[in-house]
Amino acid sequence: MTDYLFDTPKVQSIPVKGEAAEYPVHRIFCVGRNYAAHAAEMGVEVDREAPFYFTKSPQAVLASGSTLPYPPGTENFHYEMELVLVIGKPVFRASVEDASGAIYAYGCGLDMTRRDLQLAARAKQRPWDLGKDVEGSAVLTGLTKADEMGAIGPQRIHLEVNGEVKQDALLSDLIHGVAEIVADLSKFYHLAPGDVIMTGTPAGVGPVVAGDVITGGVDGLEPISLTIGAPE
């Protein structure tokens, strides 16, 4: 048994509907600009040839229903409602068909973003880490297995702030579908159980402040909620 100089981070995990055991989180991949209307509101072009990605650390995971203190270093903290998928078996250099079979379950997620820091980094062609890999910024619901969810496409995806609808779209609006994303990402990584993929957000992103309550959902999945707390 190896001794460590300090305690190792807690394993982050997600409940799964119908299972006593939880799904442990290994890595978090996020797809950028995967809805045309969102790309337009961000003032950028859509890359329809292939998805592009950024990452969050597993320690960014926060359970739905939590309170997240308003983070340091930002004056423009944004919500982004997303469909989340998780991998259930190893997949590498997969076809779209094989990639579809590697999807274990789906859930709802919030990609909380320090937008001012992201845009400042983008303007200087620097990485987005300070804007995106924020503590508590990967808010996740429990998971629903893929066979129970059914085909992705007709489901509504939506988000409200203090009860007011801010984002409202269909999963059929995704530029790159879920199996396409897994197949493309598997060209670059040996994907495996524990890998979480956040598939992108529709138009309507915007800021929140301390005291705001975010709610949202995707048809057929557990709804999501988050309260923004006072800064620490």
Protein backbone atom coordinates (compact mmCIF):
# COMPACT_ATOMS: atom_id res chain seq x y z
CA MET A 1 0.00 0.00 0.00
CA THR A 2 1.36 3.40 -1.02
CA ASP A 3 1.61 6.18 1.56
CA TYR A 4 0.87 9.74 0.44
CA LEU A 5 2.10 13.02 1.86
CA PHE A 6 -1.47 14.34 2.14
CA ASP A 7 -5.03 13.10 1.69
CA THR A 8 -6.01 12.36 -1.90
CA PRO A 9 -9.13 14.03 -3.36
CA LYS A 10 -12.46 12.37 -2.80
CA VAL A 11 -13.76 10.35 -5.73
CA GLN A 12 -16.62 12.29 -7.30
CA SER A 13 -19.59 10.16 -8.35
CA ILE A 14 -23.09 10.42 -9.79
CA PRO A 15 -26.19 8.45 -8.72
CA VAL A 16 -27.73 6.16 -11.36
CA LYS A 17 -31.46 5.53 -11.51
CA GLY A 18 -32.18 1.92 -10.51
CA GLU A 19 -28.65 1.23 -9.21
CA ALA A 20 -27.36 1.15 -5.64
CA ALA A 21 -23.79 1.85 -6.80
CA GLU A 22 -22.86 5.28 -8.18
CA TYR A 23 -20.97 6.18 -11.36
CA PRO A 24 -17.43 7.43 -10.50
CA VAL A 25 -16.17 10.41 -12.48
CA HIS A 26 -12.75 10.02 -14.10
CA ARG A 27 -12.64 12.84 -16.66
CA ILE A 28 -15.00 15.58 -17.89
CA PHE A 29 -14.97 16.59 -21.55
CA CYS A 30 -17.09 19.54 -22.72
CA VAL A 31 -18.19 20.33 -26.28
CA GLY A 32 -18.08 23.97 -27.32
CA ARG A 33 -20.47 25.77 -29.70
CA ASN A 34 -22.69 22.77 -30.42
CA TYR A 35 -25.88 24.76 -31.01
CA ALA A 36 -25.87 27.23 -33.91
CA ALA A 37 -27.93 29.87 -32.10
CA HIS A 38 -25.56 29.83 -29.12
CA ALA A 39 -22.53 30.22 -31.37
CA ALA A 40 -24.25 33.20 -32.99
CA GLU A 41 -24.98 34.87 -29.65
CA MET A 42 -21.31 34.42 -28.72
CA GLY A 43 -20.26 36.08 -31.98
CA VAL A 44 -18.42 33.08 -33.42
CA GLU A 45 -18.77 30.73 -36.36
CA VAL A 46 -19.92 27.14 -36.02
CA ASP A 47 -17.45 24.40 -36.95
CA ARG A 48 -19.69 21.82 -38.59
CA GLU A 49 -16.82 19.57 -39.65
CA ALA A 50 -15.96 18.37 -36.15
CA PRO A 51 -16.66 19.19 -32.50
CA PHE A 52 -14.11 20.98 -30.37
CA TYR A 53 -13.51 20.43 -26.68
CA PHE A 54 -12.37 21.83 -23.38
CA THR A 55 -12.14 20.00 -20.06
CA LYS A 56 -13.06 20.36 -16.41
CA SER A 57 -11.42 18.56 -13.51
CA PRO A 58 -13.44 15.89 -11.67
CA GLN A 59 -13.28 18.08 -8.56
CA ALA A 60 -15.52 20.59 -10.38
CA VAL A 61 -18.46 18.18 -9.92
CA LEU A 62 -21.31 19.49 -7.77
CA ALA A 63 -24.60 17.69 -7.12
CA SER A 64 -27.82 19.19 -8.38
CA GLY A 65 -29.73 20.90 -5.57
CA SER A 66 -26.58 22.40 -4.07
CA THR A 67 -25.70 26.00 -3.27
CA LEU A 68 -22.63 27.31 -5.12
CA PRO A 69 -20.93 30.40 -3.68
CA TYR A 70 -20.44 33.11 -6.28
CA PRO A 71 -16.87 32.40 -7.42
CA PRO A 72 -13.88 34.71 -7.04
CA GLY A 73 -12.31 36.58 -9.93
CA THR A 74 -15.45 37.27 -11.95
CA GLU A 75 -18.21 39.83 -12.33
CA ASN A 76 -20.04 37.91 -15.07
CA PHE A 77 -20.91 34.37 -13.94
CA HIS A 78 -23.04 32.53 -16.53
CA TYR A 79 -25.24 29.42 -16.62
CA GLU A 80 -25.16 26.94 -19.51
CA MET A 81 -27.74 24.12 -19.56
CA GLU A 82 -26.51 20.89 -21.15
CA LEU A 83 -27.31 17.28 -21.95
CA VAL A 84 -24.67 15.06 -20.31
CA LEU A 85 -23.68 11.56 -21.38
CA VAL A 86 -21.40 9.05 -19.68
CA ILE A 87 -19.35 6.23 -21.14
CA GLY A 88 -20.09 2.63 -20.17
CA LYS A 89 -17.41 0.60 -21.94
CA PRO A 90 -13.96 1.21 -23.43
CA VAL A 91 -14.01 2.84 -26.85
CA PHE A 92 -11.12 3.93 -29.08
CA ARG A 93 -11.20 5.00 -32.73
CA ALA A 94 -14.83 3.96 -32.88
CA SER A 95 -17.36 4.19 -35.67
CA VAL A 96 -20.48 6.21 -34.96
CA GLU A 97 -22.43 2.96 -34.57
CA ASP A 98 -19.96 1.51 -32.07
CA ALA A 99 -19.78 4.85 -30.25
CA SER A 100 -23.54 4.84 -29.74
CA GLY A 101 -23.28 1.50 -27.95
CA ALA A 102 -20.66 2.91 -25.58
CA ILE A 103 -23.08 5.46 -24.09
CA TYR A 104 -24.19 4.14 -20.70
CA ALA A 105 -26.52 6.87 -19.45
CA TYR A 106 -27.65 10.48 -19.72
CA GLY A 107 -28.20 13.29 -17.25
CA CYS A 108 -28.62 17.04 -17.03
CA GLY A 109 -25.72 19.37 -16.37
CA LEU A 110 -24.84 23.00 -15.83
CA ASP A 111 -21.56 24.31 -17.22
CA MET A 112 -21.14 27.35 -14.96
CA THR A 113 -18.73 29.81 -16.56
CA ARG A 114 -16.73 32.89 -15.57
CA ARG A 115 -17.68 34.51 -18.87
CA ASP A 116 -15.54 37.61 -18.51
CA LEU A 117 -12.44 35.49 -17.97
CA GLN A 118 -13.34 33.14 -20.82
CA LEU A 119 -13.83 36.01 -23.27
CA ALA A 120 -10.63 37.74 -22.16
CA ALA A 121 -8.70 34.51 -22.76
CA ARG A 122 -10.40 33.95 -26.10
CA ALA A 123 -9.46 37.46 -27.27
CA LYS A 124 -5.80 36.70 -26.52
CA GLN A 125 -6.03 33.18 -28.01
CA ARG A 126 -5.29 31.67 -24.61
CA PRO A 127 -6.82 28.57 -22.97
CA TRP A 128 -10.21 28.91 -21.28
CA ASP A 129 -9.25 27.20 -18.00
CA LEU A 130 -9.89 30.15 -15.66
CA GLY A 131 -13.27 30.72 -17.27
CA LYS A 132 -14.42 27.12 -17.46
CA ASP A 133 -12.63 24.89 -14.92
CA VAL A 134 -14.24 26.60 -11.94
CA GLU A 135 -14.74 24.89 -8.58
CA GLY A 136 -18.30 23.53 -8.46
CA SER A 137 -18.93 24.44 -12.10
CA ALA A 138 -19.94 20.99 -13.36
CA VAL A 139 -23.35 20.65 -11.76
CA LEU A 140 -24.80 17.20 -12.46
CA THR A 141 -28.06 15.36 -11.84
CA GLY A 142 -28.51 11.65 -11.34
CA LEU A 143 -28.21 9.51 -14.46
CA THR A 144 -30.86 7.70 -16.52
CA LYS A 145 -29.67 4.69 -18.52
CA ALA A 146 -29.51 5.13 -22.28
CA ASP A 147 -32.04 2.41 -23.11
CA GLU A 148 -34.60 4.06 -20.84
CA MET A 149 -33.94 7.48 -22.36
CA GLY A 150 -34.42 6.29 -25.93
CA ALA A 151 -33.33 8.05 -29.12
CA ILE A 152 -31.93 11.56 -28.68
CA GLY A 153 -33.57 14.31 -30.71
CA PRO A 154 -37.17 15.29 -29.93
CA GLN A 155 -36.57 16.08 -26.25
CA ARG A 156 -36.88 19.63 -24.96
CA ILE A 157 -33.92 21.18 -23.11
CA HIS A 158 -34.65 24.25 -21.00
CA LEU A 159 -33.43 26.45 -18.15
CA GLU A 160 -35.04 29.02 -15.89
CA VAL A 161 -33.63 31.63 -13.54
CA ASN A 162 -35.97 32.50 -10.65
CA GLY A 163 -38.77 30.87 -12.65
CA GLU A 164 -38.19 32.88 -15.85
CA VAL A 165 -37.37 30.80 -18.95
CA LYS A 166 -33.95 31.71 -20.34
CA GLN A 167 -33.02 28.73 -22.52
CA ASP A 168 -35.50 26.65 -24.53
CA ALA A 169 -34.54 24.35 -27.40
CA LEU A 170 -34.68 20.75 -28.65
CA LEU A 171 -31.90 18.17 -28.59
CA SER A 172 -32.44 17.86 -32.34
CA ASP A 173 -30.77 21.30 -32.54
CA LEU A 174 -27.42 19.73 -31.59
CA ILE A 175 -24.95 20.28 -34.44
CA HIS A 176 -22.95 17.18 -33.53
CA GLY A 177 -25.07 14.34 -32.17
CA VAL A 178 -24.16 12.27 -29.15
CA ALA A 179 -22.75 9.28 -31.05
CA GLU A 180 -20.81 11.60 -33.38
CA ILE A 181 -19.24 13.30 -30.38
CA VAL A 182 -18.16 10.01 -28.80
CA ALA A 183 -16.77 8.71 -32.10
CA ASP A 184 -14.81 11.91 -32.72
CA LEU A 185 -13.45 12.15 -29.18
CA SER A 186 -12.38 8.49 -29.36
CA LYS A 187 -9.93 9.45 -32.12
CA PHE A 188 -7.90 11.31 -29.50
CA TYR A 189 -8.52 9.47 -26.22
CA HIS A 190 -9.02 5.93 -24.98
CA LEU A 191 -12.50 6.62 -23.61
CA ALA A 192 -13.58 4.40 -20.73
CA PRO A 193 -16.16 4.09 -17.96
CA GLY A 194 -15.82 7.15 -15.75
CA ASP A 195 -15.64 9.58 -18.68
CA VAL A 196 -18.34 12.26 -18.69
CA ILE A 197 -19.18 14.38 -21.74
CA MET A 198 -21.14 17.64 -21.55
CA THR A 199 -22.58 18.12 -25.04
CA GLY A 200 -23.00 21.91 -25.32
CA THR A 201 -25.59 24.57 -24.51
CA PRO A 202 -28.43 26.20 -26.47
CA ALA A 203 -28.84 29.94 -26.93
CA GLY A 204 -29.95 32.13 -24.05
CA VAL A 205 -26.96 31.97 -21.72
CA GLY A 206 -26.64 34.81 -19.25
CA PRO A 207 -25.43 36.01 -15.86
CA VAL A 208 -26.59 35.13 -12.38
CA VAL A 209 -25.96 36.78 -9.02
CA ALA A 210 -26.06 35.71 -5.38
CA GLY A 211 -29.57 34.67 -4.42
CA ASP A 212 -30.60 33.47 -7.89
CA VAL A 213 -32.11 30.00 -8.26
CA ILE A 214 -31.45 28.09 -11.49
CA THR A 215 -33.75 25.26 -12.56
CA GLY A 216 -33.84 23.29 -15.77
CA GLY A 217 -34.28 19.98 -17.43
CA VAL A 218 -34.32 17.67 -20.42
CA ASP A 219 -37.43 15.63 -21.19
CA GLY A 220 -37.05 12.15 -19.70
CA LEU A 221 -34.26 13.04 -17.29
CA GLU A 222 -34.03 14.11 -13.66
CA PRO A 223 -34.42 17.92 -13.43
CA ILE A 224 -31.57 20.12 -12.27
CA SER A 225 -31.35 22.97 -9.77
CA LEU A 226 -28.69 25.25 -8.32
CA THR A 227 -28.75 28.16 -5.90
CA ILE A 228 -26.10 30.87 -6.22
CA GLY A 229 -24.77 31.76 -2.78
CA ALA A 230 -22.92 34.78 -1.46
CA PRO A 231 -19.19 35.01 -2.26
CA GLU A 232 -16.90 33.39 0.28
